[in-house]
mmCIF file of all heavy atoms, coordinates in Angstrom:
data_MODEL
# 
_entry.id   MODEL 
# 
loop_
_atom_site.group_PDB 
_atom_site.id 
_atom_site.type_symbol 
_atom_site.label_atom_id 
_atom_site.label_alt_id 
_atom_site.label_comp_id 
_atom_site.label_asym_id 
_atom_site.label_entity_id 
_atom_site.label_seq_id 
_atom_site.pdbx_PDB_ins_code 
_atom_site.Cartn_x 
_atom_site.Cartn_y 
_atom_site.Cartn_z 
_atom_site.occupancy 
_atom_site.B_iso_or_equiv 
_atom_site.pdbx_formal_charge 
_atom_site.auth_seq_id 
_atom_site.auth_comp_id 
_atom_site.auth_asym_id 
_atom_site.auth_atom_id 
_atom_site.pdbx_PDB_model_num 
ATOM 1   N N   . THR A 1 1  ? 19.763 -45.945 20.063 1.00 0.00 ? 1  THR A N   1 
ATOM 2   C CA  . THR A 1 1  ? 19.296 -45.241 18.871 1.00 0.00 ? 1  THR A CA  1 
ATOM 3   C C   . THR A 1 1  ? 17.959 -44.560 19.123 1.00 0.00 ? 1  THR A C   1 
ATOM 4   O O   . THR A 1 1  ? 17.760 -43.405 18.736 1.00 0.00 ? 1  THR A O   1 
ATOM 5   C CB  . THR A 1 1  ? 19.170 -46.219 17.694 1.00 0.00 ? 1  THR A CB  1 
ATOM 6   O OG1 . THR A 1 1  ? 20.418 -46.874 17.505 1.00 0.00 ? 1  THR A OG1 1 
ATOM 7   C CG2 . THR A 1 1  ? 18.789 -45.498 16.415 1.00 0.00 ? 1  THR A CG2 1 
ATOM 8   N N   . THR A 1 2  ? 17.045 -45.254 19.796 1.00 0.00 ? 2  THR A N   1 
ATOM 9   C CA  . THR A 1 2  ? 15.719 -44.694 20.068 1.00 0.00 ? 2  THR A CA  1 
ATOM 10  C C   . THR A 1 2  ? 15.817 -43.447 20.938 1.00 0.00 ? 2  THR A C   1 
ATOM 11  O O   . THR A 1 2  ? 15.164 -42.445 20.662 1.00 0.00 ? 2  THR A O   1 
ATOM 12  C CB  . THR A 1 2  ? 14.818 -45.742 20.756 1.00 0.00 ? 2  THR A CB  1 
ATOM 13  O OG1 . THR A 1 2  ? 14.740 -46.894 19.928 1.00 0.00 ? 2  THR A OG1 1 
ATOM 14  C CG2 . THR A 1 2  ? 13.427 -45.196 20.995 1.00 0.00 ? 2  THR A CG2 1 
ATOM 15  N N   . THR A 1 3  ? 16.643 -43.480 21.978 1.00 0.00 ? 3  THR A N   1 
ATOM 16  C CA  . THR A 1 3  ? 16.752 -42.313 22.849 1.00 0.00 ? 3  THR A CA  1 
ATOM 17  C C   . THR A 1 3  ? 17.448 -41.153 22.148 1.00 0.00 ? 3  THR A C   1 
ATOM 18  O O   . THR A 1 3  ? 17.087 -39.998 22.354 1.00 0.00 ? 3  THR A O   1 
ATOM 19  C CB  . THR A 1 3  ? 17.484 -42.658 24.164 1.00 0.00 ? 3  THR A CB  1 
ATOM 20  O OG1 . THR A 1 3  ? 18.782 -43.177 23.871 1.00 0.00 ? 3  THR A OG1 1 
ATOM 21  C CG2 . THR A 1 3  ? 16.693 -43.644 24.982 1.00 0.00 ? 3  THR A CG2 1 
ATOM 22  N N   . SER A 1 4  ? 18.440 -41.452 21.307 1.00 0.00 ? 4  SER A N   1 
ATOM 23  C CA  . SER A 1 4  ? 19.126 -40.375 20.590 1.00 0.00 ? 4  SER A CA  1 
ATOM 24  C C   . SER A 1 4  ? 18.216 -39.699 19.576 1.00 0.00 ? 4  SER A C   1 
ATOM 25  O O   . SER A 1 4  ? 18.184 -38.475 19.475 1.00 0.00 ? 4  SER A O   1 
ATOM 26  C CB  . SER A 1 4  ? 20.373 -40.913 19.889 1.00 0.00 ? 4  SER A CB  1 
ATOM 27  O OG  . SER A 1 4  ? 21.332 -41.301 20.834 1.00 0.00 ? 4  SER A OG  1 
ATOM 28  N N   . ILE A 1 5  ? 17.461 -40.495 18.826 1.00 0.00 ? 5  ILE A N   1 
ATOM 29  C CA  . ILE A 1 5  ? 16.559 -39.933 17.818 1.00 0.00 ? 5  ILE A CA  1 
ATOM 30  C C   . ILE A 1 5  ? 15.446 -39.110 18.465 1.00 0.00 ? 5  ILE A C   1 
ATOM 31  O O   . ILE A 1 5  ? 15.052 -38.072 17.941 1.00 0.00 ? 5  ILE A O   1 
ATOM 32  C CB  . ILE A 1 5  ? 15.967 -41.056 16.941 1.00 0.00 ? 5  ILE A CB  1 
ATOM 33  C CG1 . ILE A 1 5  ? 17.062 -41.663 16.064 1.00 0.00 ? 5  ILE A CG1 1 
ATOM 34  C CG2 . ILE A 1 5  ? 14.810 -40.554 16.088 1.00 0.00 ? 5  ILE A CG2 1 
ATOM 35  C CD1 . ILE A 1 5  ? 16.638 -42.911 15.325 1.00 0.00 ? 5  ILE A CD1 1 
ATOM 36  N N   . ASN A 1 6  ? 14.961 -39.557 19.616 1.00 0.00 ? 6  ASN A N   1 
ATOM 37  C CA  . ASN A 1 6  ? 13.838 -38.898 20.290 1.00 0.00 ? 6  ASN A CA  1 
ATOM 38  C C   . ASN A 1 6  ? 14.282 -38.038 21.465 1.00 0.00 ? 6  ASN A C   1 
ATOM 39  O O   . ASN A 1 6  ? 13.504 -37.778 22.378 1.00 0.00 ? 6  ASN A O   1 
ATOM 40  C CB  . ASN A 1 6  ? 12.834 -39.955 20.772 1.00 0.00 ? 6  ASN A CB  1 
ATOM 41  C CG  . ASN A 1 6  ? 12.242 -40.713 19.622 1.00 0.00 ? 6  ASN A CG  1 
ATOM 42  O OD1 . ASN A 1 6  ? 11.458 -40.169 18.845 1.00 0.00 ? 6  ASN A OD1 1 
ATOM 43  N ND2 . ASN A 1 6  ? 12.619 -41.970 19.476 1.00 0.00 ? 6  ASN A ND2 1 
ATOM 44  N N   . ARG A 1 7  ? 15.523 -37.560 21.428 1.00 0.00 ? 7  ARG A N   1 
ATOM 45  C CA  . ARG A 1 7  ? 16.050 -36.824 22.573 1.00 0.00 ? 7  ARG A CA  1 
ATOM 46  C C   . ARG A 1 7  ? 15.287 -35.544 22.874 1.00 0.00 ? 7  ARG A C   1 
ATOM 47  O O   . ARG A 1 7  ? 15.117 -35.189 24.031 1.00 0.00 ? 7  ARG A O   1 
ATOM 48  C CB  . ARG A 1 7  ? 17.531 -36.565 22.416 1.00 0.00 ? 7  ARG A CB  1 
ATOM 49  C CG  . ARG A 1 7  ? 17.928 -35.589 21.342 1.00 0.00 ? 7  ARG A CG  1 
ATOM 50  C CD  . ARG A 1 7  ? 19.453 -35.456 21.301 1.00 0.00 ? 7  ARG A CD  1 
ATOM 51  N NE  . ARG A 1 7  ? 19.892 -34.651 20.190 1.00 0.00 ? 7  ARG A NE  1 
ATOM 52  C CZ  . ARG A 1 7  ? 20.184 -35.133 18.993 1.00 0.00 ? 7  ARG A CZ  1 
ATOM 53  N NH1 . ARG A 1 7  ? 20.067 -36.419 18.753 1.00 0.00 ? 7  ARG A NH1 1 
ATOM 54  N NH2 . ARG A 1 7  ? 20.583 -34.334 18.029 1.00 0.00 ? 7  ARG A NH2 1 
ATOM 55  N N   . GLU A 1 8  ? 14.818 -34.837 21.859 1.00 0.00 ? 8  GLU A N   1 
ATOM 56  C CA  . GLU A 1 8  ? 14.080 -33.599 22.115 1.00 0.00 ? 8  GLU A CA  1 
ATOM 57  C C   . GLU A 1 8  ? 12.817 -33.876 22.923 1.00 0.00 ? 8  GLU A C   1 
ATOM 58  O O   . GLU A 1 8  ? 12.519 -33.159 23.877 1.00 0.00 ? 8  GLU A O   1 
ATOM 59  C CB  . GLU A 1 8  ? 13.748 -32.891 20.810 1.00 0.00 ? 8  GLU A CB  1 
ATOM 60  C CG  . GLU A 1 8  ? 14.975 -32.333 20.114 1.00 0.00 ? 8  GLU A CG  1 
ATOM 61  C CD  . GLU A 1 8  ? 14.643 -31.721 18.757 1.00 0.00 ? 8  GLU A CD  1 
ATOM 62  O OE1 . GLU A 1 8  ? 13.446 -31.618 18.415 1.00 0.00 ? 8  GLU A OE1 1 
ATOM 63  O OE2 . GLU A 1 8  ? 15.590 -31.352 18.056 1.00 0.00 ? 8  GLU A OE2 1 
ATOM 64  N N   . GLN A 1 9  ? 12.092 -34.920 22.562 1.00 0.00 ? 9  GLN A N   1 
ATOM 65  C CA  . GLN A 1 9  ? 10.882 -35.283 23.287 1.00 0.00 ? 9  GLN A CA  1 
ATOM 66  C C   . GLN A 1 9  ? 11.215 -35.684 24.727 1.00 0.00 ? 9  GLN A C   1 
ATOM 67  O O   . GLN A 1 9  ? 10.534 -35.274 25.665 1.00 0.00 ? 9  GLN A O   1 
ATOM 68  C CB  . GLN A 1 9  ? 10.159 -36.432 22.583 1.00 0.00 ? 9  GLN A CB  1 
ATOM 69  C CG  . GLN A 1 9  ? 8.891  -36.870 23.296 1.00 0.00 ? 9  GLN A CG  1 
ATOM 70  C CD  . GLN A 1 9  ? 8.255  -38.101 22.666 1.00 0.00 ? 9  GLN A CD  1 
ATOM 71  O OE1 . GLN A 1 9  ? 8.873  -38.800 21.879 1.00 0.00 ? 9  GLN A OE1 1 
ATOM 72  N NE2 . GLN A 1 9  ? 7.019  -38.357 23.023 1.00 0.00 ? 9  GLN A NE2 1 
ATOM 73  N N   . ILE A 1 10 ? 12.264 -36.458 24.910 1.00 0.00 ? 10 ILE A N   1 
ATOM 74  C CA  . ILE A 1 10 ? 12.661 -36.898 26.245 1.00 0.00 ? 10 ILE A CA  1 
ATOM 75  C C   . ILE A 1 10 ? 13.057 -35.707 27.106 1.00 0.00 ? 10 ILE A C   1 
ATOM 76  O O   . ILE A 1 10 ? 12.651 -35.603 28.265 1.00 0.00 ? 10 ILE A O   1 
ATOM 77  C CB  . ILE A 1 10 ? 13.814 -37.924 26.146 1.00 0.00 ? 10 ILE A CB  1 
ATOM 78  C CG1 . ILE A 1 10 ? 13.321 -39.200 25.446 1.00 0.00 ? 10 ILE A CG1 1 
ATOM 79  C CG2 . ILE A 1 10 ? 14.383 -38.239 27.515 1.00 0.00 ? 10 ILE A CG2 1 
ATOM 80  C CD1 . ILE A 1 10 ? 14.426 -40.166 25.055 1.00 0.00 ? 10 ILE A CD1 1 
ATOM 81  N N   . ILE A 1 11 ? 13.821 -34.790 26.548 1.00 0.00 ? 11 ILE A N   1 
ATOM 82  C CA  . ILE A 1 11 ? 14.271 -33.608 27.292 1.00 0.00 ? 11 ILE A CA  1 
ATOM 83  C C   . ILE A 1 11 ? 13.086 -32.752 27.706 1.00 0.00 ? 11 ILE A C   1 
ATOM 84  O O   . ILE A 1 11 ? 12.996 -32.304 28.853 1.00 0.00 ? 11 ILE A O   1 
ATOM 85  C CB  . ILE A 1 11 ? 15.282 -32.799 26.453 1.00 0.00 ? 11 ILE A CB  1 
ATOM 86  C CG1 . ILE A 1 11 ? 16.581 -33.595 26.293 1.00 0.00 ? 11 ILE A CG1 1 
ATOM 87  C CG2 . ILE A 1 11 ? 15.549 -31.437 27.058 1.00 0.00 ? 11 ILE A CG2 1 
ATOM 88  C CD1 . ILE A 1 11 ? 17.511 -33.070 25.221 1.00 0.00 ? 11 ILE A CD1 1 
ATOM 89  N N   . VAL A 1 12 ? 12.154 -32.514 26.785 1.00 0.00 ? 12 VAL A N   1 
ATOM 90  C CA  . VAL A 1 12 ? 10.971 -31.694 27.079 1.00 0.00 ? 12 VAL A CA  1 
ATOM 91  C C   . VAL A 1 12 ? 10.117 -32.350 28.169 1.00 0.00 ? 12 VAL A C   1 
ATOM 92  O O   . VAL A 1 12 ? 9.675  -31.691 29.113 1.00 0.00 ? 12 VAL A O   1 
ATOM 93  C CB  . VAL A 1 12 ? 10.140 -31.441 25.799 1.00 0.00 ? 12 VAL A CB  1 
ATOM 94  C CG1 . VAL A 1 12 ? 8.776  -30.880 26.124 1.00 0.00 ? 12 VAL A CG1 1 
ATOM 95  C CG2 . VAL A 1 12 ? 10.890 -30.511 24.867 1.00 0.00 ? 12 VAL A CG2 1 
ATOM 96  N N   . LEU A 1 13 ? 9.892  -33.656 28.048 1.00 0.00 ? 13 LEU A N   1 
ATOM 97  C CA  . LEU A 1 13 ? 9.058  -34.349 29.037 1.00 0.00 ? 13 LEU A CA  1 
ATOM 98  C C   . LEU A 1 13 ? 9.726  -34.395 30.405 1.00 0.00 ? 13 LEU A C   1 
ATOM 99  O O   . LEU A 1 13 ? 9.064  -34.230 31.435 1.00 0.00 ? 13 LEU A O   1 
ATOM 100 C CB  . LEU A 1 13 ? 8.733  -35.763 28.558 1.00 0.00 ? 13 LEU A CB  1 
ATOM 101 C CG  . LEU A 1 13 ? 7.780  -35.838 27.372 1.00 0.00 ? 13 LEU A CG  1 
ATOM 102 C CD1 . LEU A 1 13 ? 7.736  -37.253 26.812 1.00 0.00 ? 13 LEU A CD1 1 
ATOM 103 C CD2 . LEU A 1 13 ? 6.392  -35.372 27.775 1.00 0.00 ? 13 LEU A CD2 1 
ATOM 104 N N   . ALA A 1 14 ? 11.028 -34.611 30.446 1.00 0.00 ? 14 ALA A N   1 
ATOM 105 C CA  . ALA A 1 14 ? 11.738 -34.622 31.727 1.00 0.00 ? 14 ALA A CA  1 
ATOM 106 C C   . ALA A 1 14 ? 11.636 -33.252 32.398 1.00 0.00 ? 14 ALA A C   1 
ATOM 107 O O   . ALA A 1 14 ? 11.401 -33.156 33.607 1.00 0.00 ? 14 ALA A O   1 
ATOM 108 C CB  . ALA A 1 14 ? 13.196 -35.015 31.525 1.00 0.00 ? 14 ALA A CB  1 
ATOM 109 N N   . ALA A 1 15 ? 11.765 -32.192 31.624 1.00 0.00 ? 15 ALA A N   1 
ATOM 110 C CA  . ALA A 1 15 ? 11.638 -30.844 32.179 1.00 0.00 ? 15 ALA A CA  1 
ATOM 111 C C   . ALA A 1 15 ? 10.204 -30.565 32.634 1.00 0.00 ? 15 ALA A C   1 
ATOM 112 O O   . ALA A 1 15 ? 9.990  -29.990 33.703 1.00 0.00 ? 15 ALA A O   1 
ATOM 113 C CB  . ALA A 1 15 ? 12.077 -29.804 31.149 1.00 0.00 ? 15 ALA A CB  1 
ATOM 114 N N   . ARG A 1 16 ? 9.238  -30.974 31.843 1.00 0.00 ? 16 ARG A N   1 
ATOM 115 C CA  . ARG A 1 16 ? 7.834  -30.757 32.192 1.00 0.00 ? 16 ARG A CA  1 
ATOM 116 C C   . ARG A 1 16 ? 7.477  -31.448 33.517 1.00 0.00 ? 16 ARG A C   1 
ATOM 117 O O   . ARG A 1 16 ? 6.759  -30.891 34.336 1.00 0.00 ? 16 ARG A O   1 
ATOM 118 C CB  . ARG A 1 16 ? 6.920  -31.268 31.086 1.00 0.00 ? 16 ARG A CB  1 
ATOM 119 C CG  . ARG A 1 16 ? 5.441  -31.019 31.381 1.00 0.00 ? 16 ARG A CG  1 
ATOM 120 C CD  . ARG A 1 16 ? 4.527  -31.540 30.300 1.00 0.00 ? 16 ARG A CD  1 
ATOM 121 N NE  . ARG A 1 16 ? 4.894  -30.997 29.004 1.00 0.00 ? 16 ARG A NE  1 
ATOM 122 C CZ  . ARG A 1 16 ? 4.721  -31.637 27.849 1.00 0.00 ? 16 ARG A CZ  1 
ATOM 123 N NH1 . ARG A 1 16 ? 4.181  -32.839 27.819 1.00 0.00 ? 16 ARG A NH1 1 
ATOM 124 N NH2 . ARG A 1 16 ? 5.079  -31.078 26.720 1.00 0.00 ? 16 ARG A NH2 1 
ATOM 125 N N   . HIS A 1 17 ? 8.003  -32.647 33.702 1.00 0.00 ? 17 HIS A N   1 
ATOM 126 C CA  . HIS A 1 17 ? 7.720  -33.401 34.931 1.00 0.00 ? 17 HIS A CA  1 
ATOM 127 C C   . HIS A 1 17 ? 8.721  -33.091 36.047 1.00 0.00 ? 17 HIS A C   1 
ATOM 128 O O   . HIS A 1 17 ? 8.643  -33.696 37.118 1.00 0.00 ? 17 HIS A O   1 
ATOM 129 C CB  . HIS A 1 17 ? 7.717  -34.901 34.640 1.00 0.00 ? 17 HIS A CB  1 
ATOM 130 C CG  . HIS A 1 17 ? 6.556  -35.341 33.811 1.00 0.00 ? 17 HIS A CG  1 
ATOM 131 N ND1 . HIS A 1 17 ? 5.276  -35.411 34.300 1.00 0.00 ? 17 HIS A ND1 1 
ATOM 132 C CD2 . HIS A 1 17 ? 6.485  -35.710 32.514 1.00 0.00 ? 17 HIS A CD2 1 
ATOM 133 C CE1 . HIS A 1 17 ? 4.463  -35.834 33.344 1.00 0.00 ? 17 HIS A CE1 1 
ATOM 134 N NE2 . HIS A 1 17 ? 5.180  -36.012 32.239 1.00 0.00 ? 17 HIS A NE2 1 
ATOM 135 N N   . ARG A 1 18 ? 9.635  -32.165 35.777 1.00 0.00 ? 18 ARG A N   1 
ATOM 136 C CA  . ARG A 1 18 ? 10.636 -31.731 36.752 1.00 0.00 ? 18 ARG A CA  1 
ATOM 137 C C   . ARG A 1 18 ? 11.431 -32.915 37.312 1.00 0.00 ? 18 ARG A C   1 
ATOM 138 O O   . ARG A 1 18 ? 11.651 -33.032 38.510 1.00 0.00 ? 18 ARG A O   1 
ATOM 139 C CB  . ARG A 1 18 ? 9.993  -30.913 37.856 1.00 0.00 ? 18 ARG A CB  1 
ATOM 140 C CG  . ARG A 1 18 ? 9.267  -29.677 37.303 1.00 0.00 ? 18 ARG A CG  1 
ATOM 141 C CD  . ARG A 1 18 ? 8.636  -28.825 38.366 1.00 0.00 ? 18 ARG A CD  1 
ATOM 142 N NE  . ARG A 1 18 ? 9.538  -28.365 39.404 1.00 0.00 ? 18 ARG A NE  1 
ATOM 143 C CZ  . ARG A 1 18 ? 10.358 -27.321 39.323 1.00 0.00 ? 18 ARG A CZ  1 
ATOM 144 N NH1 . ARG A 1 18 ? 10.395 -26.610 38.215 1.00 0.00 ? 18 ARG A NH1 1 
ATOM 145 N NH2 . ARG A 1 18 ? 11.136 -26.983 40.322 1.00 0.00 ? 18 ARG A NH2 1 
ATOM 146 N N   . MET A 1 19 ? 11.845 -33.774 36.390 1.00 0.00 ? 19 MET A N   1 
ATOM 147 C CA  . MET A 1 19 ? 12.617 -34.955 36.769 1.00 0.00 ? 19 MET A CA  1 
ATOM 148 C C   . MET A 1 19 ? 14.092 -34.734 36.466 1.00 0.00 ? 19 MET A C   1 
ATOM 149 O O   . MET A 1 19 ? 14.451 -34.500 35.307 1.00 0.00 ? 19 MET A O   1 
ATOM 150 C CB  . MET A 1 19 ? 12.138 -36.186 35.996 1.00 0.00 ? 19 MET A CB  1 
ATOM 151 C CG  . MET A 1 19 ? 10.792 -36.669 36.422 1.00 0.00 ? 19 MET A CG  1 
ATOM 152 S SD  . MET A 1 19 ? 10.360 -38.216 35.613 1.00 0.00 ? 19 MET A SD  1 
ATOM 153 C CE  . MET A 1 19 ? 11.642 -39.276 36.210 1.00 0.00 ? 19 MET A CE  1 
ATOM 154 N N   . PRO A 1 20 ? 14.939 -34.809 37.477 1.00 0.00 ? 20 PRO A N   1 
ATOM 155 C CA  . PRO A 1 20 ? 16.379 -34.721 37.188 1.00 0.00 ? 20 PRO A CA  1 
ATOM 156 C C   . PRO A 1 20 ? 16.778 -35.921 36.337 1.00 0.00 ? 20 PRO A C   1 
ATOM 157 O O   . PRO A 1 20 ? 16.412 -37.057 36.629 1.00 0.00 ? 20 PRO A O   1 
ATOM 158 C CB  . PRO A 1 20 ? 17.032 -34.763 38.570 1.00 0.00 ? 20 PRO A CB  1 
ATOM 159 C CG  . PRO A 1 20 ? 15.996 -35.269 39.497 1.00 0.00 ? 20 PRO A CG  1 
ATOM 160 C CD  . PRO A 1 20 ? 14.658 -35.002 38.884 1.00 0.00 ? 20 PRO A CD  1 
ATOM 161 N N   . THR A 1 21 ? 17.501 -35.638 35.266 1.00 0.00 ? 21 THR A N   1 
ATOM 162 C CA  . THR A 1 21 ? 17.825 -36.689 34.303 1.00 0.00 ? 21 THR A CA  1 
ATOM 163 C C   . THR A 1 21 ? 19.287 -36.598 33.888 1.00 0.00 ? 21 THR A C   1 
ATOM 164 O O   . THR A 1 21 ? 19.794 -35.523 33.598 1.00 0.00 ? 21 THR A O   1 
ATOM 165 C CB  . THR A 1 21 ? 16.926 -36.559 33.054 1.00 0.00 ? 21 THR A CB  1 
ATOM 166 O OG1 . THR A 1 21 ? 15.560 -36.558 33.484 1.00 0.00 ? 21 THR A OG1 1 
ATOM 167 C CG2 . THR A 1 21 ? 17.137 -37.693 32.089 1.00 0.00 ? 21 THR A CG2 1 
ATOM 168 N N   . VAL A 1 22 ? 19.937 -37.759 33.859 1.00 0.00 ? 22 VAL A N   1 
ATOM 169 C CA  . VAL A 1 22 ? 21.319 -37.857 33.400 1.00 0.00 ? 22 VAL A CA  1 
ATOM 170 C C   . VAL A 1 22 ? 21.279 -38.504 32.022 1.00 0.00 ? 22 VAL A C   1 
ATOM 171 O O   . VAL A 1 22 ? 20.662 -39.550 31.832 1.00 0.00 ? 22 VAL A O   1 
ATOM 172 C CB  . VAL A 1 22 ? 22.176 -38.707 34.365 1.00 0.00 ? 22 VAL A CB  1 
ATOM 173 C CG1 . VAL A 1 22 ? 23.595 -38.846 33.847 1.00 0.00 ? 22 VAL A CG1 1 
ATOM 174 C CG2 . VAL A 1 22 ? 22.164 -38.100 35.756 1.00 0.00 ? 22 VAL A CG2 1 
ATOM 175 N N   . TYR A 1 23 ? 21.935 -37.856 31.075 1.00 0.00 ? 23 TYR A N   1 
ATOM 176 C CA  . TYR A 1 23 ? 21.928 -38.308 29.690 1.00 0.00 ? 23 TYR A CA  1 
ATOM 177 C C   . TYR A 1 23 ? 23.275 -38.909 29.321 1.00 0.00 ? 23 TYR A C   1 
ATOM 178 O O   . TYR A 1 23 ? 24.289 -38.587 29.926 1.00 0.00 ? 23 TYR A O   1 
ATOM 179 C CB  . TYR A 1 23 ? 21.603 -37.130 28.770 1.00 0.00 ? 23 TYR A CB  1 
ATOM 180 C CG  . TYR A 1 23 ? 20.249 -36.534 29.038 1.00 0.00 ? 23 TYR A CG  1 
ATOM 181 C CD1 . TYR A 1 23 ? 20.100 -35.416 29.848 1.00 0.00 ? 23 TYR A CD1 1 
ATOM 182 C CD2 . TYR A 1 23 ? 19.108 -37.116 28.513 1.00 0.00 ? 23 TYR A CD2 1 
ATOM 183 C CE1 . TYR A 1 23 ? 18.846 -34.882 30.113 1.00 0.00 ? 23 TYR A CE1 1 
ATOM 184 C CE2 . TYR A 1 23 ? 17.856 -36.588 28.778 1.00 0.00 ? 23 TYR A CE2 1 
ATOM 185 C CZ  . TYR A 1 23 ? 17.737 -35.478 29.574 1.00 0.00 ? 23 TYR A CZ  1 
ATOM 186 O OH  . TYR A 1 23 ? 16.495 -34.964 29.833 1.00 0.00 ? 23 TYR A OH  1 
ATOM 187 N N   . PRO A 1 24 ? 23.313 -39.757 28.286 1.00 0.00 ? 24 PRO A N   1 
ATOM 188 C CA  . PRO A 1 24 ? 24.556 -40.454 27.956 1.00 0.00 ? 24 PRO A CA  1 
ATOM 189 C C   . PRO A 1 24 ? 25.581 -39.632 27.176 1.00 0.00 ? 24 PRO A C   1 
ATOM 190 O O   . PRO A 1 24 ? 26.764 -39.959 27.197 1.00 0.00 ? 24 PRO A O   1 
ATOM 191 C CB  . PRO A 1 24 ? 24.088 -41.642 27.117 1.00 0.00 ? 24 PRO A CB  1 
ATOM 192 C CG  . PRO A 1 24 ? 22.830 -41.172 26.474 1.00 0.00 ? 24 PRO A CG  1 
ATOM 193 C CD  . PRO A 1 24 ? 22.189 -40.258 27.478 1.00 0.00 ? 24 PRO A CD  1 
ATOM 194 N N   . PHE A 1 25 ? 25.140 -38.592 26.489 1.00 0.00 ? 25 PHE A N   1 
ATOM 195 C CA  . PHE A 1 25 ? 26.056 -37.840 25.637 1.00 0.00 ? 25 PHE A CA  1 
ATOM 196 C C   . PHE A 1 25 ? 25.856 -36.338 25.818 1.00 0.00 ? 25 PHE A C   1 
ATOM 197 O O   . PHE A 1 25 ? 24.775 -35.869 26.159 1.00 0.00 ? 25 PHE A O   1 
ATOM 198 C CB  . PHE A 1 25 ? 25.849 -38.191 24.154 1.00 0.00 ? 25 PHE A CB  1 
ATOM 199 C CG  . PHE A 1 25 ? 26.043 -39.645 23.849 1.00 0.00 ? 25 PHE A CG  1 
ATOM 200 C CD1 . PHE A 1 25 ? 24.991 -40.422 23.428 1.00 0.00 ? 25 PHE A CD1 1 
ATOM 201 C CD2 . PHE A 1 25 ? 27.296 -40.225 23.979 1.00 0.00 ? 25 PHE A CD2 1 
ATOM 202 C CE1 . PHE A 1 25 ? 25.160 -41.769 23.147 1.00 0.00 ? 25 PHE A CE1 1 
ATOM 203 C CE2 . PHE A 1 25 ? 27.483 -41.569 23.697 1.00 0.00 ? 25 PHE A CE2 1 
ATOM 204 C CZ  . PHE A 1 25 ? 26.416 -42.335 23.285 1.00 0.00 ? 25 PHE A CZ  1 
# 
């Protein structure tokens, strides 16, 4: 629930830090 609600923040931060990220949905 926490990751889904805050997905925009997670996506932006992963892109900013240039971290390849696999998401659940």
